[in-house]
PDB file of all heavy atoms in Angstrom:
ATOM      1  N   ALA A   1      29.651-236.867  20.918  1.00  0.00           N
ATOM      2  CA  ALA A   1      30.458-236.181  19.902  1.00  0.00           C
ATOM      3  C   ALA A   1      30.615-237.055  18.663  1.00  0.00           C
ATOM      4  O   ALA A   1      30.562-236.536  17.533  1.00  0.00           O
ATOM      5  CB  ALA A   1      31.790-235.772  20.483  1.00  0.00           C
ATOM      6  N   MET A   2      30.821-238.343  18.839  1.00  0.00           N
ATOM      7  CA  MET A   2      30.949-239.250  17.719  1.00  0.00           C
ATOM      8  C   MET A   2      29.665-239.301  16.916  1.00  0.00           C
ATOM      9  O   MET A   2      29.686-239.250  15.677  1.00  0.00           O
ATOM     10  CB  MET A   2      31.367-240.664  18.233  1.00  0.00           C
ATOM     11  CG  MET A   2      32.770-240.691  18.761  1.00  0.00           C
ATOM     12  SD  MET A   2      33.129-242.102  19.877  1.00  0.00           S
ATOM     13  CE  MET A   2      32.650-243.463  18.859  1.00  0.00           C
ATOM     14  N   ARG A   3      28.542-239.416  17.598  1.00  0.00           N
ATOM     15  CA  ARG A   3      27.236-239.438  16.964  1.00  0.00           C
ATOM     16  C   ARG A   3      27.020-238.170  16.118  1.00  0.00           C
ATOM     17  O   ARG A   3      26.617-238.189  14.972  1.00  0.00           O
ATOM     18  CB  ARG A   3      26.164-239.587  17.984  1.00  0.00           C
ATOM     19  CG  ARG A   3      24.758-239.421  17.426  1.00  0.00           C
ATOM     20  CD  ARG A   3      23.758-239.267  18.538  1.00  0.00           C
ATOM     21  NE  ARG A   3      22.523-238.727  17.943  1.00  0.00           N
ATOM     22  CZ  ARG A   3      21.331-238.884  18.510  1.00  0.00           C
ATOM     23  NH1 ARG A   3      21.186-239.542  19.602  1.00  0.00           N
ATOM     24  NH2 ARG A   3      20.284-238.370  17.913  1.00  0.00           N
ATOM     25  N   ASP A   4      27.260-237.025  16.781  1.00  0.00           N
ATOM     26  CA  ASP A   4      27.063-235.748  16.092  1.00  0.00           C
ATOM     27  C   ASP A   4      27.964-235.559  14.889  1.00  0.00           C
ATOM     28  O   ASP A   4      27.542-235.066  13.838  1.00  0.00           O
ATOM     29  CB  ASP A   4      27.235-234.570  17.093  1.00  0.00           C
ATOM     30  CG  ASP A   4      26.170-234.556  18.158  1.00  0.00           C
ATOM     31  OD1 ASP A   4      25.091-235.200  18.004  1.00  0.00           O
ATOM     32  OD2 ASP A   4      26.395-233.859  19.196  1.00  0.00           O
ATOM     33  N   ALA A   5      29.225-236.007  15.037  1.00  0.00           N
ATOM     34  CA  ALA A   5      30.182-235.827  13.924  1.00  0.00           C
ATOM     35  C   ALA A   5      29.780-236.666  12.706  1.00  0.00           C
ATOM     36  O   ALA A   5      29.817-236.184  11.565  1.00  0.00           O
ATOM     37  CB  ALA A   5      31.600-236.267  14.413  1.00  0.00           C
ATOM     38  N   VAL A   6      29.377-237.957  12.932  1.00  0.00           N
ATOM     39  CA  VAL A   6      28.934-238.790  11.821  1.00  0.00           C
ATOM     40  C   VAL A   6      27.726-238.156  11.152  1.00  0.00           C
ATOM     41  O   VAL A   6      27.693-238.026   9.917  1.00  0.00           O
ATOM     42  CB  VAL A   6      28.609-240.230  12.312  1.00  0.00           C
ATOM     43  CG1 VAL A   6      27.907-241.018  11.232  1.00  0.00           C
ATOM     44  CG2 VAL A   6      29.885-240.903  12.800  1.00  0.00           C
ATOM     45  N   ASP A   7      26.763-237.761  11.952  1.00  0.00           N
ATOM     46  CA  ASP A   7      25.541-237.160  11.354  1.00  0.00           C
ATOM     47  C   ASP A   7      25.828-235.885  10.571  1.00  0.00           C
ATOM     48  O   ASP A   7      25.320-235.721   9.503  1.00  0.00           O
ATOM     49  CB  ASP A   7      24.541-236.885  12.478  1.00  0.00           C
ATOM     50  CG  ASP A   7      23.103-236.782  11.945  1.00  0.00           C
ATOM     51  OD1 ASP A   7      22.719-237.615  11.090  1.00  0.00           O
ATOM     52  OD2 ASP A   7      22.425-235.833  12.341  1.00  0.00           O
ATOM     53  N   GLU A   8      26.696-235.046  11.140  1.00  0.00           N
ATOM     54  CA  GLU A   8      27.002-233.769  10.478  1.00  0.00           C
ATOM     55  C   GLU A   8      27.747-234.004   9.144  1.00  0.00           C
ATOM     56  O   GLU A   8      27.388-233.413   8.106  1.00  0.00           O
ATOM     57  CB  GLU A   8      27.863-232.902  11.398  1.00  0.00           C
ATOM     58  CG  GLU A   8      28.221-231.568  10.787  1.00  0.00           C
ATOM     59  CD  GLU A   8      29.017-230.693  11.736  1.00  0.00           C
ATOM     60  OE1 GLU A   8      28.892-230.806  12.957  1.00  0.00           O
ATOM     61  OE2 GLU A   8      29.818-229.871  11.197  1.00  0.00           O
ATOM     62  N   GLU A   9      28.729-234.879   9.163  1.00  0.00           N
ATOM     63  CA  GLU A   9      29.534-235.104   7.930  1.00  0.00           C
ATOM     64  C   GLU A   9      28.699-235.789   6.835  1.00  0.00           C
ATOM     65  O   GLU A   9      28.842-235.452   5.667  1.00  0.00           O
ATOM     66  CB  GLU A   9      30.771-235.911   8.274  1.00  0.00           C
ATOM     67  CG  GLU A   9      31.766-235.163   9.117  1.00  0.00           C
ATOM     68  CD  GLU A   9      32.185-233.814   8.524  1.00  0.00           C
ATOM     69  OE1 GLU A   9      32.466-233.747   7.296  1.00  0.00           O
ATOM     70  OE2 GLU A   9      32.219-232.809   9.245  1.00  0.00           O
ATOM     71  N   LEU A  10      27.853-236.730   7.245  1.00  0.00           N
ATOM     72  CA  LEU A  10      27.020-237.384   6.217  1.00  0.00           C
ATOM     73  C   LEU A  10      25.951-236.433   5.695  1.00  0.00           C
ATOM     74  O   LEU A  10      25.638-236.439   4.520  1.00  0.00           O
ATOM     75  CB  LEU A  10      26.375-238.663   6.741  1.00  0.00           C
ATOM     76  CG  LEU A  10      27.370-239.854   6.858  1.00  0.00           C
ATOM     77  CD1 LEU A  10      26.764-241.045   7.603  1.00  0.00           C
ATOM     78  CD2 LEU A  10      27.816-240.333   5.473  1.00  0.00           C
ATOM     79  N   PHE A  11      25.415-235.597   6.581  1.00  0.00           N
ATOM     80  CA  PHE A  11      24.473-234.563   6.135  1.00  0.00           C
ATOM     81  C   PHE A  11      25.108-233.629   5.101  1.00  0.00           C
ATOM     82  O   PHE A  11      24.495-233.289   4.082  1.00  0.00           O
ATOM     83  CB  PHE A  11      23.960-233.769   7.349  1.00  0.00           C
ATOM     84  CG  PHE A  11      22.900-232.743   6.977  1.00  0.00           C
ATOM     85  CD1 PHE A  11      21.584-233.143   6.790  1.00  0.00           C
ATOM     86  CD2 PHE A  11      23.274-231.411   6.831  1.00  0.00           C
ATOM     87  CE1 PHE A  11      20.635-232.209   6.423  1.00  0.00           C
ATOM     88  CE2 PHE A  11      22.295-230.463   6.492  1.00  0.00           C
ATOM     89  CZ  PHE A  11      20.973-230.855   6.261  1.00  0.00           C
ATOM     90  N   LYS A  12      26.355-233.236   5.349  1.00  0.00           N
ATOM     91  CA  LYS A  12      27.086-232.360   4.406  1.00  0.00           C
ATOM     92  C   LYS A  12      27.222-233.068   3.055  1.00  0.00           C
ATOM     93  O   LYS A  12      27.299-232.397   2.017  1.00  0.00           O
ATOM     94  CB  LYS A  12      28.447-232.044   4.946  1.00  0.00           C
ATOM     95  CG  LYS A  12      28.474-231.024   6.030  1.00  0.00           C
ATOM     96  CD  LYS A  12      29.941-230.808   6.469  1.00  0.00           C
ATOM     97  CE  LYS A  12      30.061-229.941   7.681  1.00  0.00           C
ATOM     98  NZ  LYS A  12      31.485-229.833   8.153  1.00  0.00           N
ATOM     99  N   ALA A  13      27.311-234.386   3.058  1.00  0.00           N
ATOM    100  CA  ALA A  13      27.440-235.170   1.828  1.00  0.00           C
ATOM    101  C   ALA A  13      26.086-235.465   1.214  1.00  0.00           C
ATOM    102  O   ALA A  13      26.024-236.150   0.191  1.00  0.00           O
ATOM    103  CB  ALA A  13      28.159-236.481   2.128  1.00  0.00           C
ATOM    104  N   GLY A  14      25.027-234.947   1.801  1.00  0.00           N
ATOM    105  CA  GLY A  14      23.689-235.117   1.238  1.00  0.00           C
ATOM    106  C   GLY A  14      22.950-236.337   1.695  1.00  0.00           C
ATOM    107  O   GLY A  14      21.970-236.738   1.107  1.00  0.00           O
ATOM    108  N   VAL A  15      23.414-236.919   2.804  1.00  0.00           N
ATOM    109  CA  VAL A  15      22.781-238.151   3.323  1.00  0.00           C
ATOM    110  C   VAL A  15      22.113-237.819   4.666  1.00  0.00           C
ATOM    111  O   VAL A  15      22.782-237.294   5.584  1.00  0.00           O
ATOM    112  CB  VAL A  15      23.821-239.267   3.520  1.00  0.00           C
ATOM    113  CG1 VAL A  15      23.184-240.558   4.046  1.00  0.00           C
ATOM    114  CG2 VAL A  15      24.582-239.550   2.246  1.00  0.00           C
ATOM    115  N   GLN A  16      20.846-238.154   4.770  1.00  0.00           N
ATOM    116  CA  GLN A  16      20.146-237.925   6.017  1.00  0.00           C
ATOM    117  C   GLN A  16      19.900-239.232   6.733  1.00  0.00           C
ATOM    118  O   GLN A  16      19.615-240.225   6.081  1.00  0.00           O
ATOM    119  CB  GLN A  16      18.823-237.233   5.762  1.00  0.00           C
ATOM    120  CG  GLN A  16      19.022-235.786   5.265  1.00  0.00           C
ATOM    121  CD  GLN A  16      17.733-234.998   5.293  1.00  0.00           C
ATOM    122  OE1 GLN A  16      16.686-235.494   5.609  1.00  0.00           O
ATOM    123  NE2 GLN A  16      17.841-233.731   4.953  1.00  0.00           N
ATOM    124  N   VAL A  17      19.980-239.183   8.017  1.00  0.00           N
ATOM    125  CA  VAL A  17      19.710-240.403   8.846  1.00  0.00           C
ATOM    126  C   VAL A  17      18.277-240.797   8.711  1.00  0.00           C
ATOM    127  O   VAL A  17      17.346-239.917   8.651  1.00  0.00           O
ATOM    128  CB  VAL A  17      20.150-240.141  10.324  1.00  0.00           C
ATOM    129  CG1 VAL A  17      19.231-239.123  10.986  1.00  0.00           C
ATOM    130  CG2 VAL A  17      20.180-241.455  11.087  1.00  0.00           C
ATOM    131  N   LYS A  18      18.023-242.082   8.559  1.00  0.00           N
ATOM    132  CA  LYS A  18      16.633-242.558   8.427  1.00  0.00           C
ATOM    133  C   LYS A  18      16.046-242.822   9.802  1.00  0.00           C
ATOM    134  O   LYS A  18      14.862-242.604  10.031  1.00  0.00           O
ATOM    135  CB  LYS A  18      16.625-243.842   7.602  1.00  0.00           C
ATOM    136  CG  LYS A  18      17.033-243.589   6.164  1.00  0.00           C
ATOM    137  CD  LYS A  18      16.911-244.800   5.269  1.00  0.00           C
ATOM    138  CE  LYS A  18      17.348-244.618   3.894  1.00  0.00           C
ATOM    139  NZ  LYS A  18      17.285-243.317   3.308  1.00  0.00           N
ATOM    140  N   GLN A  19      16.878-243.326  10.734  1.00  0.00           N
ATOM    141  CA  GLN A  19      16.402-243.640  12.064  1.00  0.00           C
ATOM    142  C   GLN A  19      17.576-243.623  13.039  1.00  0.00           C
ATOM    143  O   GLN A  19      18.671-244.101  12.692  1.00  0.00           O
ATOM    144  CB  GLN A  19      15.675-244.952  12.132  1.00  0.00           C
ATOM    145  CG  GLN A  19      15.037-245.246  13.431  1.00  0.00           C
ATOM    146  CD  GLN A  19      14.090-246.461  13.368  1.00  0.00           C
ATOM    147  OE1 GLN A  19      13.766-246.896  12.294  1.00  0.00           O
ATOM    148  NE2 GLN A  19      13.712-246.939  14.531  1.00  0.00           N
ATOM    149  N   VAL A  20      17.324-243.159  14.271  1.00  0.00           N
ATOM    150  CA  VAL A  20      18.307-243.210  15.321  1.00  0.00           C
ATOM    151  C   VAL A  20      17.680-243.953  16.497  1.00  0.00           C
ATOM    152  O   VAL A  20      16.552-243.632  16.912  1.00  0.00           O
ATOM    153  CB  VAL A  20      18.756-241.810  15.744  1.00  0.00           C
ATOM    154  CG1 VAL A  20      19.705-241.908  16.937  1.00  0.00           C
ATOM    155  CG2 VAL A  20      19.402-241.102  14.586  1.00  0.00           C
ATOM    156  N   GLU A  21      18.391-244.927  17.043  1.00  0.00           N
ATOM    157  CA  GLU A  21      17.972-245.595  18.245  1.00  0.00           C
ATOM    158  C   GLU A  21      18.968-245.211  19.335  1.00  0.00           C
ATOM    159  O   GLU A  21      20.159-245.259  19.135  1.00  0.00           O
ATOM    160  CB  GLU A  21      17.989-247.124  18.081  1.00  0.00           C
ATOM    161  CG  GLU A  21      16.974-247.628  17.026  1.00  0.00           C
ATOM    162  CD  GLU A  21      15.515-247.444  17.520  1.00  0.00           C
ATOM    163  OE1 GLU A  21      15.256-247.466  18.743  1.00  0.00           O
ATOM    164  OE2 GLU A  21      14.667-247.238  16.644  1.00  0.00           O
ATOM    165  N   GLY A  22      18.439-244.830  20.474  1.00  0.00           N
ATOM    166  CA  GLY A  22      19.296-244.326  21.560  1.00  0.00           C
ATOM    167  C   GLY A  22      19.253-242.826  21.598  1.00  0.00           C
ATOM    168  O   GLY A  22      19.016-242.175  20.577  1.00  0.00           O
ATOM    169  N   ASN A  23      19.471-242.265  22.753  1.00  0.00           N
ATOM    170  CA  ASN A  23      19.448-240.831  22.899  1.00  0.00           C
ATOM    171  C   ASN A  23      20.765-240.332  23.488  1.00  0.00           C
ATOM    172  O   ASN A  23      21.701-241.112  23.592  1.00  0.00           O
ATOM    173  CB  ASN A  23      18.260-240.398  23.780  1.00  0.00           C
ATOM    174  CG  ASN A  23      18.310-241.037  25.190  1.00  0.00           C
ATOM    175  OD1 ASN A  23      19.391-241.219  25.728  1.00  0.00           O
ATOM    176  ND2 ASN A  23      17.180-241.380  25.687  1.00  0.00           N
ATOM    177  N   ARG A  24      20.800-239.121  23.859  1.00  0.00           N
ATOM    178  CA  ARG A  24      22.092-238.512  24.319  1.00  0.00           C
ATOM    179  C   ARG A  24      22.583-239.134  25.600  1.00  0.00           C
ATOM    180  O   ARG A  24      23.723-238.954  25.958  1.00  0.00           O
ATOM    181  CB  ARG A  24      21.914-237.029  24.502  1.00  0.00           C
ATOM    182  CG  ARG A  24      21.564-236.358  23.175  1.00  0.00           C
ATOM    183  CD  ARG A  24      22.289-235.045  23.012  1.00  0.00           C
ATOM    184  NE  ARG A  24      22.037-234.435  21.718  1.00  0.00           N
ATOM    185  CZ  ARG A  24      22.819-234.549  20.708  1.00  0.00           C
ATOM    186  NH1 ARG A  24      23.957-235.227  20.775  1.00  0.00           N
ATOM    187  NH2 ARG A  24      22.560-233.972  19.566  1.00  0.00           N
ATOM    188  N   ASN A  25      21.742-239.901  26.308  1.00  0.00           N
ATOM    189  CA  ASN A  25      22.146-240.532  27.564  1.00  0.00           C
ATOM    190  C   ASN A  25      22.419-242.030  27.335  1.00  0.00           C
ATOM    191  O   ASN A  25      22.704-242.735  28.307  1.00  0.00           O
ATOM    192  CB  ASN A  25      21.105-240.342  28.650  1.00  0.00           C
ATOM    193  CG  ASN A  25      20.946-238.872  28.968  1.00  0.00           C
ATOM    194  OD1 ASN A  25      21.901-238.136  29.076  1.00  0.00           O
ATOM    195  ND2 ASN A  25      19.686-238.465  29.137  1.00  0.00           N
ATOM    196  N   SER A  26      22.316-242.519  26.140  1.00  0.00           N
ATOM    197  CA  SER A  26      22.466-243.934  25.877  1.00  0.00           C
ATOM    198  C   SER A  26      23.928-244.333  25.784  1.00  0.00           C
ATOM    199  O   SER A  26      24.745-243.557  25.373  1.00  0.00           O
ATOM    200  CB  SER A  26      21.769-244.322  24.589  1.00  0.00           C
ATOM    201  OG  SER A  26      20.351-244.090  24.673  1.00  0.00           O
ATOM    202  N   SER A  27      24.186-245.585  26.107  1.00  0.00           N
ATOM    203  CA  SER A  27      25.536-246.135  25.989  1.00  0.00           C
ATOM    204  C   SER A  27      25.677-246.964  24.703  1.00  0.00           C
ATOM    205  O   SER A  27      26.725-247.536  24.442  1.00  0.00           O
ATOM    206  CB  SER A  27      25.898-246.994  27.220  1.00  0.00           C
ATOM    207  OG  SER A  27      24.922-248.013  27.370  1.00  0.00           O
ATOM    208  N   TRP A  28      24.622-246.962  23.893  1.00  0.00           N
ATOM    209  CA  TRP A  28      24.683-247.569  22.564  1.00  0.00           C
ATOM    210  C   TRP A  28      23.770-246.736  21.653  1.00  0.00           C
ATOM    211  O   TRP A  28      22.564-246.604  21.962  1.00  0.00           O
ATOM    212  CB  TRP A  28      24.231-248.983  22.578  1.00  0.00           C
ATOM    213  CG  TRP A  28      24.143-249.688  21.262  1.00  0.00           C
ATOM    214  CD1 TRP A  28      24.586-249.257  20.036  1.00  0.00           C
ATOM    215  CD2 TRP A  28      23.633-251.006  20.995  1.00  0.00           C
ATOM    216  NE1 TRP A  28      24.369-250.198  19.046  1.00  0.00           N
ATOM    217  CE2 TRP A  28      23.778-251.281  19.626  1.00  0.00           C
ATOM    218  CE3 TRP A  28      23.056-251.977  21.789  1.00  0.00           C
ATOM    219  CZ2 TRP A  28      23.359-252.452  19.026  1.00  0.00           C
ATOM    220  CZ3 TRP A  28      22.648-253.169  21.185  1.00  0.00           C
ATOM    221  CH2 TRP A  28      22.800-253.412  19.861  1.00  0.00           C
ATOM    222  N   VAL A  29      24.264-246.174  20.607  1.00  0.00           N
ATOM    223  CA  VAL A  29      23.519-245.413  19.661  1.00  0.00           C
ATOM    224  C   VAL A  29      23.641-246.107  18.300  1.00  0.00           C
ATOM    225  O   VAL A  29      24.784-246.423  17.860  1.00  0.00           O
ATOM    226  CB  VAL A  29      23.988-243.952  19.575  1.00  0.00           C
ATOM    227  CG1 VAL A  29      23.270-243.180  18.491  1.00  0.00           C
ATOM    228  CG2 VAL A  29      23.881-243.245  20.903  1.00  0.00           C
ATOM    229  N   LEU A  30      22.521-246.335  17.679  1.00  0.00           N
ATOM    230  CA  LEU A  30      22.480-246.902  16.316  1.00  0.00           C
ATOM    231  C   LEU A  30      21.941-245.830  15.391  1.00  0.00           C
ATOM    232  O   LEU A  30      20.874-245.259  15.621  1.00  0.00           O
ATOM    233  CB  LEU A  30      21.538-248.137  16.286  1.00  0.00           C
ATOM    234  CG  LEU A  30      21.341-248.845  14.970  1.00  0.00           C
ATOM    235  CD1 LEU A  30      21.102-250.286  15.228  1.00  0.00           C
ATOM    236  CD2 LEU A  30      20.241-248.233  14.152  1.00  0.00           C
ATOM    237  N   MET A  31      22.699-245.567  14.326  1.00  0.00           N
ATOM    238  CA  MET A  31      22.293-244.619  13.313  1.00  0.00           C
ATOM    239  C   MET A  31      22.133-245.346  11.965  1.00  0.00           C
ATOM    240  O   MET A  31      23.098-245.875  11.441  1.00  0.00           O
ATOM    241  CB  MET A  31      23.319-243.492  13.176  1.00  0.00           C
ATOM    242  CG  MET A  31      23.432-242.680  14.458  1.00  0.00           C
ATOM    243  SD  MET A  31      24.828-241.491  14.388  1.00  0.00           S
ATOM    244  CE  MET A  31      26.200-242.615  14.684  1.00  0.00           C
ATOM    245  N   ASP A  32      20.914-245.344  11.441  1.00  0.00           N
ATOM    246  CA  ASP A  32      20.617-246.028  10.237  1.00  0.00           C
ATOM    247  C   ASP A  32      20.545-245.041   9.053  1.00  0.00           C
ATOM    248  O   ASP A  32      19.670-244.174   9.032  1.00  0.00           O
ATOM    249  CB  ASP A  32      19.277-246.746  10.387  1.00  0.00           C
ATOM    250  CG  ASP A  32      18.853-247.562   9.149  1.00  0.00           C
ATOM    251  OD1 ASP A  32      19.527-247.481   8.118  1.00  0.00           O
ATOM    252  OD2 ASP A  32      17.843-248.270   9.235  1.00  0.00           O
ATOM    253  N   TYR A  33      21.484-245.206   8.131  1.00  0.00           N
ATOM    254  CA  TYR A  33      21.531-244.319   6.960  1.00  0.00           C
ATOM    255  C   TYR A  33      21.091-245.115   5.713  1.00  0.00           C
ATOM    256  O   TYR A  33      21.416-244.668   4.593  1.00  0.00           O
ATOM    257  CB  TYR A  33      22.923-243.764   6.781  1.00  0.00           C
ATOM    258  CG  TYR A  33      23.269-242.757   7.847  1.00  0.00           C
ATOM    259  CD1 TYR A  33      23.947-243.139   9.002  1.00  0.00           C
ATOM    260  CD2 TYR A  33      22.912-241.419   7.732  1.00  0.00           C
ATOM    261  CE1 TYR A  33      24.254-242.256   9.976  1.00  0.00           C
ATOM    262  CE2 TYR A  33      23.211-240.503   8.709  1.00  0.00           C
ATOM    263  CZ  TYR A  33      23.889-240.933   9.846  1.00  0.00           C
ATOM    264  OH  TYR A  33      24.190-240.030  10.847  1.00  0.00           O
ATOM    265  N   GLY A  34      20.408-246.213   5.889  1.00  0.00           N
ATOM    266  CA  GLY A  34      19.975-247.032   4.761  1.00  0.00           C
ATOM    267  C   GLY A  34      21.039-248.015   4.325  1.00  0.00           C
ATOM    268  O   GLY A  34      20.982-249.193   4.644  1.00  0.00           O
ATOM    269  N   ASP A  35      22.040-247.540   3.619  1.00  0.00           N
ATOM    270  CA  ASP A  35      23.106-248.412   3.094  1.00  0.00           C
ATOM    271  C   ASP A  35      24.197-248.709   4.111  1.00  0.00           C
ATOM    272  O   ASP A  35      24.961-249.676   3.967  1.00  0.00           O
ATOM    273  CB  ASP A  35      23.742-247.805   1.850  1.00  0.00           C
ATOM    274  CG  ASP A  35      22.787-247.785   0.666  1.00  0.00           C
ATOM    275  OD1 ASP A  35      21.837-248.607   0.659  1.00  0.00           O
ATOM    276  OD2 ASP A  35      22.983-246.947  -0.215  1.00  0.00           O
ATOM    277  N   ILE A  36      24.293-247.900   5.147  1.00  0.00           N
ATOM    278  CA  ILE A  36      25.222-248.148   6.221  1.00  0.00           C
ATOM    279  C   ILE A  36      24.486-247.989   7.558  1.00  0.00           C
ATOM    280  O   ILE A  36      23.557-247.206   7.654  1.00  0.00           O
ATOM    281  CB  ILE A  36      26.476-247.269   6.199  1.00  0.00           C
ATOM    282  CG1 ILE A  36      26.184-245.802   6.552  1.00  0.00           C
ATOM    283  CG2 ILE A  36      27.235-247.367   4.899  1.00  0.00           C
ATOM    284  CD1 ILE A  36      27.375-244.947   6.850  1.00  0.00           C
ATOM    285  N   ILE A  37      24.929-248.741   8.529  1.00  0.00           N
ATOM    286  CA  ILE A  37      24.413-248.614   9.899  1.00  0.00           C
ATOM    287  C   ILE A  37      25.620-248.422  10.798  1.00  0.00           C
ATOM    288  O   ILE A  37      26.576-249.206  10.783  1.00  0.00           O
ATOM    289  CB  ILE A  37      23.586-249.841  10.299  1.00  0.00           C
ATOM    290  CG1 ILE A  37      22.387-249.993   9.404  1.00  0.00           C
ATOM    291  CG2 ILE A  37      23.174-249.743  11.803  1.00  0.00           C
ATOM    292  CD1 ILE A  37      21.545-251.205   9.641  1.00  0.00           C
TER     293      ILE A  37
END
């Protein structure tokens, strides 16, 4: 839910994720948005 919320809110602001490490079963998810990780 945290991963999805961050991605959705940044997408609404016009920012797309560049890369995601980890999947829905991971206990660590990294979301790279370029200027923030």
